[in-house]
PDB file of N, CA and C in Angstrom:
ATOM      1  N   VAL A   1     -25.691 -58.235 127.973  1.00  0.00           N
ATOM      2  CA  VAL A   1     -25.686 -58.944 126.694  1.00  0.00           C
ATOM      3  C   VAL A   1     -26.811 -58.411 125.818  1.00  0.00           C
ATOM      4  N   GLN A   2     -26.467 -58.069 124.607  1.00  0.00           N
ATOM      5  CA  GLN A   2     -27.481 -57.583 123.672  1.00  0.00           C
ATOM      6  C   GLN A   2     -27.278 -58.219 122.299  1.00  0.00           C
ATOM      7  N   LEU A   3     -28.380 -58.493 121.648  1.00  0.00           N
ATOM      8  CA  LEU A   3     -28.350 -58.998 120.287  1.00  0.00           C
ATOM      9  C   LEU A   3     -29.285 -58.129 119.445  1.00  0.00           C
ATOM     10  N   GLN A   4     -28.797 -57.678 118.340  1.00  0.00           N
ATOM     11  CA  GLN A   4     -29.579 -56.794 117.484  1.00  0.00           C
ATOM     12  C   GLN A   4     -29.653 -57.383 116.080  1.00  0.00           C
ATOM     13  N   ALA A   5     -30.835 -57.844 115.722  1.00  0.00           N
ATOM     14  CA  ALA A   5     -31.036 -58.447 114.395  1.00  0.00           C
ATOM     15  C   ALA A   5     -31.524 -57.407 113.408  1.00  0.00           C
ATOM     16  N   SER A   6     -31.168 -57.614 112.160  1.00  0.00           N
ATOM     17  CA  SER A   6     -31.617 -56.730 111.093  1.00  0.00           C
ATOM     18  C   SER A   6     -31.595 -57.480 109.769  1.00  0.00           C
ATOM     19  N   GLY A   7     -32.194 -56.857 108.762  1.00  0.00           N
ATOM     20  CA  GLY A   7     -32.147 -57.443 107.431  1.00  0.00           C
ATOM     21  C   GLY A   7     -33.478 -57.952 106.909  1.00  0.00           C
ATOM     22  N   GLY A   8     -34.504 -57.903 107.729  1.00  0.00           N
ATOM     23  CA  GLY A   8     -35.808 -58.372 107.280  1.00  0.00           C
ATOM     24  C   GLY A   8     -36.439 -57.405 106.288  1.00  0.00           C
ATOM     25  N   GLY A   9     -37.567 -57.803 105.767  1.00  0.00           N
ATOM     26  CA  GLY A   9     -38.276 -56.960 104.823  1.00  0.00           C
ATOM     27  C   GLY A   9     -39.138 -57.788 103.894  1.00  0.00           C
ATOM     28  N   LEU A  10     -39.630 -57.141 102.868  1.00  0.00           N
ATOM     29  CA  LEU A  10     -40.467 -57.819 101.871  1.00  0.00           C
ATOM     30  C   LEU A  10     -39.586 -58.331 100.728  1.00  0.00           C
ATOM     31  N   VAL A  11     -39.684 -59.618 100.447  1.00  0.00           N
ATOM     32  CA  VAL A  11     -38.895 -60.207  99.374  1.00  0.00           C
ATOM     33  C   VAL A  11     -39.804 -61.025  98.461  1.00  0.00           C
ATOM     34  N   GLN A  12     -39.369 -61.173  97.240  1.00  0.00           N
ATOM     35  CA  GLN A  12     -40.118 -61.953  96.264  1.00  0.00           C
ATOM     36  C   GLN A  12     -39.761 -63.435  96.399  1.00  0.00           C
ATOM     37  N   PRO A  13     -40.694 -64.302  96.123  1.00  0.00           N
ATOM     38  CA  PRO A  13     -40.365 -65.735  96.119  1.00  0.00           C
ATOM     39  C   PRO A  13     -39.194 -66.023  95.184  1.00  0.00           C
ATOM     40  N   GLY A  14     -38.291 -66.873  95.635  1.00  0.00           N
ATOM     41  CA  GLY A  14     -37.128 -67.213  94.839  1.00  0.00           C
ATOM     42  C   GLY A  14     -35.898 -66.366  95.127  1.00  0.00           C
ATOM     43  N   GLU A  15     -36.096 -65.252  95.775  1.00  0.00           N
ATOM     44  CA  GLU A  15     -34.968 -64.391  96.095  1.00  0.00           C
ATOM     45  C   GLU A  15     -34.219 -64.912  97.318  1.00  0.00           C
ATOM     46  N   SER A  16     -33.074 -64.290  97.581  1.00  0.00           N
ATOM     47  CA  SER A  16     -32.266 -64.625  98.749  1.00  0.00           C
ATOM     48  C   SER A  16     -32.220 -63.419  99.683  1.00  0.00           C
ATOM     49  N   ARG A  17     -31.925 -63.698 100.917  1.00  0.00           N
ATOM     50  CA  ARG A  17     -31.853 -62.622 101.914  1.00  0.00           C
ATOM     51  C   ARG A  17     -30.821 -63.001 102.951  1.00  0.00           C
ATOM     52  N   ARG A  18     -30.068 -62.006 103.428  1.00  0.00           N
ATOM     53  CA  ARG A  18     -29.131 -62.258 104.505  1.00  0.00           C
ATOM     54  C   ARG A  18     -29.519 -61.417 105.712  1.00  0.00           C
ATOM     55  N   LEU A  19     -29.720 -62.077 106.800  1.00  0.00           N
ATOM     56  CA  LEU A  19     -30.011 -61.412 108.062  1.00  0.00           C
ATOM     57  C   LEU A  19     -28.731 -61.306 108.875  1.00  0.00           C
ATOM     58  N   SER A  20     -28.628 -60.234 109.652  1.00  0.00           N
ATOM     59  CA  SER A  20     -27.459 -60.013 110.492  1.00  0.00           C
ATOM     60  C   SER A  20     -27.884 -59.889 111.941  1.00  0.00           C
ATOM     61  N   CYS A  21     -26.979 -60.242 112.824  1.00  0.00           N
ATOM     62  CA  CYS A  21     -27.239 -60.109 114.259  1.00  0.00           C
ATOM     63  C   CYS A  21     -25.940 -59.691 114.929  1.00  0.00           C
ATOM     64  N   VAL A  22     -25.894 -58.454 115.386  1.00  0.00           N
ATOM     65  CA  VAL A  22     -24.720 -57.949 116.088  1.00  0.00           C
ATOM     66  C   VAL A  22     -24.856 -58.295 117.566  1.00  0.00           C
ATOM     67  N   VAL A  23     -23.821 -58.899 118.104  1.00  0.00           N
ATOM     68  CA  VAL A  23     -23.837 -59.342 119.493  1.00  0.00           C
ATOM     69  C   VAL A  23     -22.882 -58.488 120.313  1.00  0.00           C
ATOM     70  N   SER A  24     -23.317 -58.069 121.471  1.00  0.00           N
ATOM     71  CA  SER A  24     -22.432 -57.330 122.366  1.00  0.00           C
ATOM     72  C   SER A  24     -22.585 -57.902 123.771  1.00  0.00           C
ATOM     73  N   GLY A  25     -21.501 -57.834 124.521  1.00  0.00           N
ATOM     74  CA  GLY A  25     -21.530 -58.315 125.897  1.00  0.00           C
ATOM     75  C   GLY A  25     -20.810 -59.621 126.111  1.00  0.00           C
ATOM     76  N   PHE A  26     -20.527 -60.342 125.037  1.00  0.00           N
ATOM     77  CA  PHE A  26     -19.710 -61.547 125.149  1.00  0.00           C
ATOM     78  C   PHE A  26     -19.134 -61.887 123.783  1.00  0.00           C
ATOM     79  N   THR A  27     -18.152 -62.775 123.778  1.00  0.00           N
ATOM     80  CA  THR A  27     -17.538 -63.160 122.512  1.00  0.00           C
ATOM     81  C   THR A  27     -18.211 -64.423 121.973  1.00  0.00           C
ATOM     82  N   LEU A  28     -18.281 -64.503 120.666  1.00  0.00           N
ATOM     83  CA  LEU A  28     -19.006 -65.598 120.033  1.00  0.00           C
ATOM     84  C   LEU A  28     -18.359 -66.953 120.272  1.00  0.00           C
ATOM     85  N   ASP A  29     -17.052 -66.956 120.492  1.00  0.00           N
ATOM     86  CA  ASP A  29     -16.346 -68.225 120.656  1.00  0.00           C
ATOM     87  C   ASP A  29     -16.921 -69.064 121.783  1.00  0.00           C
ATOM     88  N   HIS A  30     -17.359 -68.421 122.839  1.00  0.00           N
ATOM     89  CA  HIS A  30     -17.637 -69.142 124.074  1.00  0.00           C
ATOM     90  C   HIS A  30     -19.113 -69.413 124.328  1.00  0.00           C
ATOM     91  N   HIS A  31     -19.937 -69.048 123.355  1.00  0.00           N
ATOM     92  CA  HIS A  31     -21.372 -69.222 123.557  1.00  0.00           C
ATOM     93  C   HIS A  31     -22.024 -69.777 122.294  1.00  0.00           C
ATOM     94  N   SER A  32     -22.993 -70.617 122.499  1.00  0.00           N
ATOM     95  CA  SER A  32     -23.773 -71.110 121.372  1.00  0.00           C
ATOM     96  C   SER A  32     -24.711 -70.009 120.905  1.00  0.00           C
ATOM     97  N   VAL A  33     -24.766 -69.810 119.600  1.00  0.00           N
ATOM     98  CA  VAL A  33     -25.641 -68.783 119.030  1.00  0.00           C
ATOM     99  C   VAL A  33     -26.427 -69.398 117.878  1.00  0.00           C
ATOM    100  N   GLY A  34     -27.599 -68.859 117.664  1.00  0.00           N
ATOM    101  CA  GLY A  34     -28.404 -69.441 116.600  1.00  0.00           C
ATOM    102  C   GLY A  34     -29.505 -68.532 116.109  1.00  0.00           C
ATOM    103  N   TRP A  35     -30.153 -68.992 115.077  1.00  0.00           N
ATOM    104  CA  TRP A  35     -31.301 -68.305 114.492  1.00  0.00           C
ATOM    105  C   TRP A  35     -32.538 -69.179 114.672  1.00  0.00           C
ATOM    106  N   PHE A  36     -33.619 -68.501 114.988  1.00  0.00           N
ATOM    107  CA  PHE A  36     -34.892 -69.159 115.187  1.00  0.00           C
ATOM    108  C   PHE A  36     -35.952 -68.349 114.451  1.00  0.00           C
ATOM    109  N   ARG A  37     -37.094 -68.950 114.238  1.00  0.00           N
ATOM    110  CA  ARG A  37     -38.162 -68.171 113.614  1.00  0.00           C
ATOM    111  C   ARG A  37     -39.507 -68.601 114.189  1.00  0.00           C
ATOM    112  N   ARG A  38     -40.423 -67.657 114.083  1.00  0.00           N
ATOM    113  CA  ARG A  38     -41.785 -67.968 114.510  1.00  0.00           C
ATOM    114  C   ARG A  38     -42.718 -67.583 113.387  1.00  0.00           C
ATOM    115  N   VAL A  39     -43.351 -68.576 112.817  1.00  0.00           N
ATOM    116  CA  VAL A  39     -44.370 -68.358 111.799  1.00  0.00           C
ATOM    117  C   VAL A  39     -45.662 -68.000 112.529  1.00  0.00           C
ATOM    118  N   PRO A  40     -46.406 -67.032 112.041  1.00  0.00           N
ATOM    119  CA  PRO A  40     -47.655 -66.649 112.718  1.00  0.00           C
ATOM    120  C   PRO A  40     -48.538 -67.851 113.015  1.00  0.00           C
ATOM    121  N   GLY A  41     -48.929 -67.961 114.281  1.00  0.00           N
ATOM    122  CA  GLY A  41     -49.815 -69.053 114.676  1.00  0.00           C
ATOM    123  C   GLY A  41     -49.119 -70.352 115.004  1.00  0.00           C
ATOM    124  N   GLU A  42     -47.793 -70.378 114.910  1.00  0.00           N
ATOM    125  CA  GLU A  42     -47.069 -71.616 115.174  1.00  0.00           C
ATOM    126  C   GLU A  42     -46.017 -71.386 116.256  1.00  0.00           C
ATOM    127  N   ALA A  43     -45.451 -72.480 116.729  1.00  0.00           N
ATOM    128  CA  ALA A  43     -44.419 -72.389 117.756  1.00  0.00           C
ATOM    129  C   ALA A  43     -43.098 -71.964 117.142  1.00  0.00           C
ATOM    130  N   ARG A  44     -42.258 -71.392 117.970  1.00  0.00           N
ATOM    131  CA  ARG A  44     -40.926 -70.996 117.521  1.00  0.00           C
ATOM    132  C   ARG A  44     -40.131 -72.245 117.164  1.00  0.00           C
ATOM    133  N   GLU A  45     -39.345 -72.153 116.102  1.00  0.00           N
ATOM    134  CA  GLU A  45     -38.528 -73.293 115.692  1.00  0.00           C
ATOM    135  C   GLU A  45     -37.080 -72.875 115.462  1.00  0.00           C
ATOM    136  N   GLU A  46     -36.190 -73.814 115.685  1.00  0.00           N
ATOM    137  CA  GLU A  46     -34.770 -73.579 115.447  1.00  0.00           C
ATOM    138  C   GLU A  46     -34.471 -73.727 113.971  1.00  0.00           C
ATOM    139  N   ILE A  47     -33.694 -72.789 113.433  1.00  0.00           N
ATOM    140  CA  ILE A  47     -33.292 -72.876 112.037  1.00  0.00           C
ATOM    141  C   ILE A  47     -31.888 -73.456 111.953  1.00  0.00           C
ATOM    142  N   SER A  48     -30.950 -72.828 112.629  1.00  0.00           N
ATOM    143  CA  SER A  48     -29.580 -73.297 112.594  1.00  0.00           C
ATOM    144  C   SER A  48     -28.782 -72.668 113.720  1.00  0.00           C
ATOM    145  N   CYS A  49     -27.768 -73.378 114.170  1.00  0.00           N
ATOM    146  CA  CYS A  49     -26.969 -72.914 115.283  1.00  0.00           C
ATOM    147  C   CYS A  49     -25.488 -73.166 115.056  1.00  0.00           C
ATOM    148  N   ILE A  50     -24.685 -72.405 115.736  1.00  0.00           N
ATOM    149  CA  ILE A  50     -23.264 -72.682 115.865  1.00  0.00           C
ATOM    150  C   ILE A  50     -23.012 -72.808 117.358  1.00  0.00           C
ATOM    151  N   ASN A  51     -22.600 -73.973 117.766  1.00  0.00           N
ATOM    152  CA  ASN A  51     -22.431 -74.212 119.190  1.00  0.00           C
ATOM    153  C   ASN A  51     -21.097 -73.699 119.708  1.00  0.00           C
ATOM    154  N   ALA A  52     -21.059 -73.451 120.999  1.00  0.00           N
ATOM    155  CA  ALA A  52     -19.855 -72.933 121.636  1.00  0.00           C
ATOM    156  C   ALA A  52     -18.669 -73.841 121.331  1.00  0.00           C
ATOM    157  N   TYR A  53     -17.560 -73.222 121.045  1.00  0.00           N
ATOM    158  CA  TYR A  53     -16.299 -73.910 120.791  1.00  0.00           C
ATOM    159  C   TYR A  53     -16.316 -74.733 119.502  1.00  0.00           C
ATOM    160  N   GLN A  54     -17.345 -74.551 118.693  1.00  0.00           N
ATOM    161  CA  GLN A  54     -17.387 -75.226 117.397  1.00  0.00           C
ATOM    162  C   GLN A  54     -16.275 -74.674 116.521  1.00  0.00           C
ATOM    163  N   TYR A  55     -15.540 -75.530 115.866  1.00  0.00           N
ATOM    164  CA  TYR A  55     -14.399 -75.085 115.076  1.00  0.00           C
ATOM    165  C   TYR A  55     -14.846 -74.311 113.842  1.00  0.00           C
ATOM    166  N   SER A  56     -15.827 -74.848 113.122  1.00  0.00           N
ATOM    167  CA  SER A  56     -16.278 -74.203 111.892  1.00  0.00           C
ATOM    168  C   SER A  56     -17.089 -72.951 112.196  1.00  0.00           C
ATOM    169  N   ASP A  57     -16.914 -71.946 111.370  1.00  0.00           N
ATOM    170  CA  ASP A  57     -17.646 -70.700 111.540  1.00  0.00           C
ATOM    171  C   ASP A  57     -18.912 -70.657 110.696  1.00  0.00           C
ATOM    172  N   GLU A  58     -19.307 -71.777 110.132  1.00  0.00           N
ATOM    173  CA  GLU A  58     -20.522 -71.778 109.354  1.00  0.00           C
ATOM    174  C   GLU A  58     -21.159 -73.165 109.351  1.00  0.00           C
ATOM    175  N   SER A  59     -22.437 -73.179 109.037  1.00  0.00           N
ATOM    176  CA  SER A  59     -23.172 -74.429 108.961  1.00  0.00           C
ATOM    177  C   SER A  59     -24.301 -74.242 107.955  1.00  0.00           C
ATOM    178  N   VAL A  60     -24.489 -75.216 107.098  1.00  0.00           N
ATOM    179  CA  VAL A  60     -25.502 -75.128 106.056  1.00  0.00           C
ATOM    180  C   VAL A  60     -26.529 -76.242 106.248  1.00  0.00           C
ATOM    181  N   LYS A  61     -27.795 -75.842 106.216  1.00  0.00           N
ATOM    182  CA  LYS A  61     -28.892 -76.818 106.272  1.00  0.00           C
ATOM    183  C   LYS A  61     -29.866 -76.457 105.156  1.00  0.00           C
ATOM    184  N   GLY A  62     -29.761 -77.151 104.060  1.00  0.00           N
ATOM    185  CA  GLY A  62     -30.654 -76.894 102.939  1.00  0.00           C
ATOM    186  C   GLY A  62     -30.513 -75.468 102.417  1.00  0.00           C
ATOM    187  N   ARG A  63     -31.597 -74.716 102.494  1.00  0.00           N
ATOM    188  CA  ARG A  63     -31.599 -73.334 101.985  1.00  0.00           C
ATOM    189  C   ARG A  63     -31.074 -72.323 102.997  1.00  0.00           C
ATOM    190  N   PHE A  64     -30.726 -72.795 104.182  1.00  0.00           N
ATOM    191  CA  PHE A  64     -30.322 -71.890 105.266  1.00  0.00           C
ATOM    192  C   PHE A  64     -28.849 -72.109 105.617  1.00  0.00           C
ATOM    193  N   ALA A  65     -28.128 -70.994 105.738  1.00  0.00           N
ATOM    194  CA  ALA A  65     -26.721 -71.066 106.112  1.00  0.00           C
ATOM    195  C   ALA A  65     -26.443 -70.054 107.205  1.00  0.00           C
ATOM    196  N   ILE A  66     -25.945 -70.534 108.323  1.00  0.00           N
ATOM    197  CA  ILE A  66     -25.561 -69.655 109.421  1.00  0.00           C
ATOM    198  C   ILE A  66     -24.053 -69.498 109.394  1.00  0.00           C
ATOM    199  N   SER A  67     -23.604 -68.304 109.723  1.00  0.00           N
ATOM    200  CA  SER A  67     -22.167 -68.071 109.791  1.00  0.00           C
ATOM    201  C   SER A  67     -21.897 -67.048 110.878  1.00  0.00           C
ATOM    202  N   ARG A  68     -20.666 -67.011 111.334  1.00  0.00           N
ATOM    203  CA  ARG A  68     -20.302 -66.030 112.346  1.00  0.00           C
ATOM    204  C   ARG A  68     -19.001 -65.362 111.940  1.00  0.00           C
ATOM    205  N   ASP A  69     -18.928 -64.088 112.262  1.00  0.00           N
ATOM    206  CA  ASP A  69     -17.721 -63.297 112.041  1.00  0.00           C
ATOM    207  C   ASP A  69     -17.247 -62.864 113.418  1.00  0.00           C
ATOM    208  N   LYS A  70     -16.214 -63.516 113.907  1.00  0.00           N
ATOM    209  CA  LYS A  70     -15.746 -63.242 115.262  1.00  0.00           C
ATOM    210  C   LYS A  70     -15.140 -61.851 115.388  1.00  0.00           C
ATOM    211  N   ARG A  71     -14.577 -61.357 114.305  1.00  0.00           N
ATOM    212  CA  ARG A  71     -13.993 -60.020 114.378  1.00  0.00           C
ATOM    213  C   ARG A  71     -15.076 -58.964 114.575  1.00  0.00           C
ATOM    214  N   LYS A  72     -16.213 -59.184 113.943  1.00  0.00           N
ATOM    215  CA  LYS A  72     -17.316 -58.216 114.054  1.00  0.00           C
ATOM    216  C   LYS A  72     -18.314 -58.606 115.140  1.00  0.00           C
ATOM    217  N   ASN A  73     -18.083 -59.762 115.771  1.00  0.00           N
ATOM    218  CA  ASN A  73     -19.018 -60.282 116.772  1.00  0.00           C
ATOM    219  C   ASN A  73     -20.442 -60.297 116.216  1.00  0.00           C
ATOM    220  N   THR A  74     -20.559 -60.812 115.028  1.00  0.00           N
ATOM    221  CA  THR A  74     -21.826 -60.809 114.311  1.00  0.00           C
ATOM    222  C   THR A  74     -22.109 -62.196 113.736  1.00  0.00           C
ATOM    223  N   ILE A  75     -23.365 -62.593 113.794  1.00  0.00           N
ATOM    224  CA  ILE A  75     -23.767 -63.824 113.123  1.00  0.00           C
ATOM    225  C   ILE A  75     -24.732 -63.487 111.989  1.00  0.00           C
ATOM    226  N   TYR A  76     -24.750 -64.326 110.997  1.00  0.00           N
ATOM    227  CA  TYR A  76     -25.556 -64.096 109.814  1.00  0.00           C
ATOM    228  C   TYR A  76     -26.429 -65.309 109.521  1.00  0.00           C
ATOM    229  N   LEU A  77     -27.528 -65.057 108.850  1.00  0.00           N
ATOM    230  CA  LEU A  77     -28.343 -66.144 108.325  1.00  0.00           C
ATOM    231  C   LEU A  77     -28.623 -65.839 106.861  1.00  0.00           C
ATOM    232  N   GLN A  78     -28.103 -66.661 106.001  1.00  0.00           N
ATOM    233  CA  GLN A  78     -28.370 -66.543 104.575  1.00  0.00           C
ATOM    234  C   GLN A  78     -29.523 -67.481 104.230  1.00  0.00           C
ATOM    235  N   ILE A  79     -30.561 -66.938 103.630  1.00  0.00           N
ATOM    236  CA  ILE A  79     -31.707 -67.751 103.231  1.00  0.00           C
ATOM    237  C   ILE A  79     -31.828 -67.667 101.715  1.00  0.00           C
ATOM    238  N   ASN A  80     -31.760 -68.784 101.073  1.00  0.00           N
ATOM    239  CA  ASN A  80     -31.836 -68.831  99.605  1.00  0.00           C
ATOM    240  C   ASN A  80     -33.184 -69.373  99.148  1.00  0.00           C
ATOM    241  N   ASN A  81     -33.556 -68.985  97.932  1.00  0.00           N
ATOM    242  CA  ASN A  81     -34.786 -69.475  97.323  1.00  0.00           C
ATOM    243  C   ASN A  81     -35.971 -69.346  98.280  1.00  0.00           C
ATOM    244  N   LEU A  82     -36.206 -68.136  98.730  1.00  0.00           N
ATOM    245  CA  LEU A  82     -37.260 -67.900  99.716  1.00  0.00           C
ATOM    246  C   LEU A  82     -38.622 -68.293  99.178  1.00  0.00           C
ATOM    247  N   LYS A  83     -39.448 -68.830 100.082  1.00  0.00           N
ATOM    248  CA  LYS A  83     -40.786 -69.279  99.748  1.00  0.00           C
ATOM    249  C   LYS A  83     -41.794 -68.562 100.635  1.00  0.00           C
ATOM    250  N   PRO A  84     -43.039 -68.437 100.194  1.00  0.00           N
ATOM    251  CA  PRO A  84     -44.039 -67.761 101.035  1.00  0.00           C
ATOM    252  C   PRO A  84     -44.130 -68.362 102.439  1.00  0.00           C
ATOM    253  N   GLU A  85     -43.931 -69.657 102.560  1.00  0.00           N
ATOM    254  CA  GLU A  85     -44.018 -70.280 103.889  1.00  0.00           C
ATOM    255  C   GLU A  85     -42.832 -69.940 104.785  1.00  0.00           C
ATOM    256  N   ASP A  86     -41.842 -69.236 104.256  1.00  0.00           N
ATOM    257  CA  ASP A  86     -40.736 -68.752 105.084  1.00  0.00           C
ATOM    258  C   ASP A  86     -41.095 -67.440 105.785  1.00  0.00           C
ATOM    259  N   THR A  87     -42.243 -66.890 105.482  1.00  0.00           N
ATOM    260  CA  THR A  87     -42.675 -65.664 106.139  1.00  0.00           C
ATOM    261  C   THR A  87     -42.764 -65.896 107.640  1.00  0.00           C
ATOM    262  N   ALA A  88     -41.997 -65.088 108.384  1.00  0.00           N
ATOM    263  CA  ALA A  88     -41.904 -65.297 109.834  1.00  0.00           C
ATOM    264  C   ALA A  88     -41.099 -64.171 110.452  1.00  0.00           C
ATOM    265  N   VAL A  89     -41.145 -64.121 111.769  1.00  0.00           N
ATOM    266  CA  VAL A  89     -40.234 -63.253 112.516  1.00  0.00           C
ATOM    267  C   VAL A  89     -38.994 -64.072 112.846  1.00  0.00           C
ATOM    268  N   TYR A  90     -37.855 -63.604 112.402  1.00  0.00           N
ATOM    269  CA  TYR A  90     -36.589 -64.298 112.601  1.00  0.00           C
ATOM    270  C   TYR A  90     -35.834 -63.632 113.747  1.00  0.00           C
ATOM    271  N   SER A  91     -35.387 -64.447 114.682  1.00  0.00           N
ATOM    272  CA  SER A  91     -34.695 -63.930 115.862  1.00  0.00           C
ATOM    273  C   SER A  91     -33.366 -64.646 116.047  1.00  0.00           C
ATOM    274  N   CYS A  92     -32.400 -63.887 116.541  1.00  0.00           N
ATOM    275  CA  CYS A  92     -31.131 -64.493 116.933  1.00  0.00           C
ATOM    276  C   CYS A  92     -31.112 -64.632 118.443  1.00  0.00           C
ATOM    277  N   ALA A  93     -30.371 -65.600 118.912  1.00  0.00           N
ATOM    278  CA  ALA A  93     -30.337 -65.862 120.343  1.00  0.00           C
ATOM    279  C   ALA A  93     -29.000 -66.484 120.726  1.00  0.00           C
ATOM    280  N   ALA A  94     -28.691 -66.407 122.017  1.00  0.00           N
ATOM    281  CA  ALA A  94     -27.445 -66.965 122.522  1.00  0.00           C
ATOM    282  C   ALA A  94     -27.704 -67.694 123.831  1.00  0.00           C
ATOM    283  N   ALA A  95     -26.912 -68.695 124.076  1.00  0.00           N
ATOM    284  CA  ALA A  95     -27.014 -69.460 125.311  1.00  0.00           C
ATOM    285  C   ALA A  95     -25.896 -69.054 126.260  1.00  0.00           C
ATOM    286  N   GLY A  96     -26.249 -68.944 127.552  1.00  0.00           N
ATOM    287  CA  GLY A  96     -25.217 -68.638 128.534  1.00  0.00           C
ATOM    288  C   GLY A  96     -24.202 -69.765 128.618  1.00  0.00           C
ATOM    289  N   TRP A  97     -24.702 -70.982 128.464  1.00  0.00           N
ATOM    290  CA  TRP A  97     -23.821 -72.143 128.429  1.00  0.00           C
ATOM    291  C   TRP A  97     -24.591 -73.264 127.758  1.00  0.00           C
ATOM    292  N   GLY A  98     -23.882 -74.255 127.259  1.00  0.00           N
ATOM    293  CA  GLY A  98     -24.510 -75.407 126.647  1.00  0.00           C
ATOM    294  C   GLY A  98     -24.856 -75.169 125.194  1.00  0.00           C
ATOM    295  N   PRO A  99     -25.422 -76.179 124.564  1.00  0.00           N
ATOM    296  CA  PRO A  99     -25.733 -76.089 123.138  1.00  0.00           C
ATOM    297  C   PRO A  99     -27.019 -75.321 122.876  1.00  0.00           C
ATOM    298  N   CYS A 100     -27.270 -75.069 121.597  1.00  0.00           N
ATOM    299  CA  CYS A 100     -28.497 -74.396 121.185  1.00  0.00           C
ATOM    300  C   CYS A 100     -29.710 -75.287 121.410  1.00  0.00           C
ATOM    301  N   SER A 101     -30.784 -74.668 121.778  1.00  0.00           N
ATOM    302  CA  SER A 101     -32.088 -75.331 121.765  1.00  0.00           C
ATOM    303  C   SER A 101     -33.139 -74.254 121.890  1.00  0.00           C
ATOM    304  N   VAL A 102     -34.315 -74.540 121.395  1.00  0.00           N
ATOM    305  CA  VAL A 102     -35.373 -73.519 121.410  1.00  0.00           C
ATOM    306  C   VAL A 102     -35.642 -73.031 122.820  1.00  0.00           C
ATOM    307  N   ASN A 103     -35.621 -73.956 123.778  1.00  0.00           N
ATOM    308  CA  ASN A 103     -35.960 -73.585 125.152  1.00  0.00           C
ATOM    309  C   ASN A 103     -34.738 -73.324 126.018  1.00  0.00           C
ATOM    310  N   GLY A 104     -33.558 -73.375 125.419  1.00  0.00           N
ATOM    311  CA  GLY A 104     -32.351 -73.263 126.233  1.00  0.00           C
ATOM    312  C   GLY A 104     -31.544 -72.005 126.026  1.00  0.00           C
ATOM    313  N   MET A 105     -32.062 -71.085 125.223  1.00  0.00           N
ATOM    314  CA  MET A 105     -31.328 -69.860 124.962  1.00  0.00           C
ATOM    315  C   MET A 105     -31.641 -68.834 126.051  1.00  0.00           C
ATOM    316  N   ASP A 106     -30.602 -68.134 126.465  1.00  0.00           N
ATOM    317  CA  ASP A 106     -30.750 -67.197 127.574  1.00  0.00           C
ATOM    318  C   ASP A 106     -30.939 -65.754 127.123  1.00  0.00           C
ATOM    319  N   TYR A 107     -30.465 -65.447 125.945  1.00  0.00           N
ATOM    320  CA  TYR A 107     -30.515 -64.063 125.469  1.00  0.00           C
ATOM    321  C   TYR A 107     -31.124 -64.050 124.076  1.00  0.00           C
ATOM    322  N   TRP A 108     -32.080 -63.161 123.908  1.00  0.00           N
ATOM    323  CA  TRP A 108     -32.794 -63.056 122.639  1.00  0.00           C
ATOM    324  C   TRP A 108     -32.743 -61.637 122.118  1.00  0.00           C
ATOM    325  N   GLY A 109     -32.550 -61.533 120.830  1.00  0.00           N
ATOM    326  CA  GLY A 109     -32.649 -60.242 120.192  1.00  0.00           C
ATOM    327  C   GLY A 109     -34.077 -60.001 119.732  1.00  0.00           C
ATOM    328  N   LYS A 110     -34.396 -58.762 119.491  1.00  0.00           N
ATOM    329  CA  LYS A 110     -35.704 -58.440 118.920  1.00  0.00           C
ATOM    330  C   LYS A 110     -35.732 -58.972 117.494  1.00  0.00           C
ATOM    331  N   GLY A 111     -36.780 -59.650 117.136  1.00  0.00           N
ATOM    332  CA  GLY A 111     -36.847 -60.277 115.837  1.00  0.00           C
ATOM    333  C   GLY A 111     -36.963 -59.305 114.677  1.00  0.00           C
ATOM    334  N   THR A 112     -36.687 -59.826 113.510  1.00  0.00           N
ATOM    335  CA  THR A 112     -36.846 -59.057 112.290  1.00  0.00           C
ATOM    336  C   THR A 112     -37.793 -59.829 111.369  1.00  0.00           C
ATOM    337  N   LEU A 113     -38.783 -59.125 110.838  1.00  0.00           N
ATOM    338  CA  LEU A 113     -39.822 -59.785 110.047  1.00  0.00           C
ATOM    339  C   LEU A 113     -39.392 -59.935 108.595  1.00  0.00           C
ATOM    340  N   VAL A 114     -39.502 -61.148 108.105  1.00  0.00           N
ATOM    341  CA  VAL A 114     -39.285 -61.430 106.687  1.00  0.00           C
ATOM    342  C   VAL A 114     -40.620 -61.835 106.085  1.00  0.00           C
ATOM    343  N   THR A 115     -41.040 -61.113 105.081  1.00  0.00           N
ATOM    344  CA  THR A 115     -42.290 -61.408 104.394  1.00  0.00           C
ATOM    345  C   THR A 115     -41.973 -61.782 102.958  1.00  0.00           C
ATOM    346  N   VAL A 116     -42.389 -62.972 102.567  1.00  0.00           N
ATOM    347  CA  VAL A 116     -42.129 -63.455 101.222  1.00  0.00           C
ATOM    348  C   VAL A 116     -43.440 -63.438 100.445  1.00  0.00           C
ATOM    349  N   SER A 117     -43.500 -62.562  99.484  1.00  0.00           N
ATOM    350  CA  SER A 117     -44.750 -62.411  98.737  1.00  0.00           C
ATOM    351  C   SER A 117     -44.464 -61.765  97.396  1.00  0.00           C
ATOM    352  N   SER A 118     -45.248 -62.140  96.432  1.00  0.00           N
ATOM    353  CA  SER A 118     -45.130 -61.513  95.115  1.00  0.00           C
ATOM    354  C   SER A 118     -46.131 -60.374  94.988  1.00  0.00           C
TER     355      SER A 118
END
């Protein structure tokens, strides 16, 4: 199982960014997948997840929207109206079974750094 995240970089406050995570080794239908982030000096936190067997292919929480493309076996994180406090390493992860949780994911991709600064 491999997860490869991309899309990070330097962005201006107020801009939007879409992160991608290509998954290989299993199909998205049968596993919970999600996006997490770690702000420097703080604990990792869950941003949004799509749980296994969830009917909808997307979920929106405020400025963050997660979606999955089963044909491409890829999940996305759209972040709107970025703020300096969103600066963090963003990682995608998958669970072997069960729902998403910070401590319950079995497979992690290498994170991608998003820096929000003017």
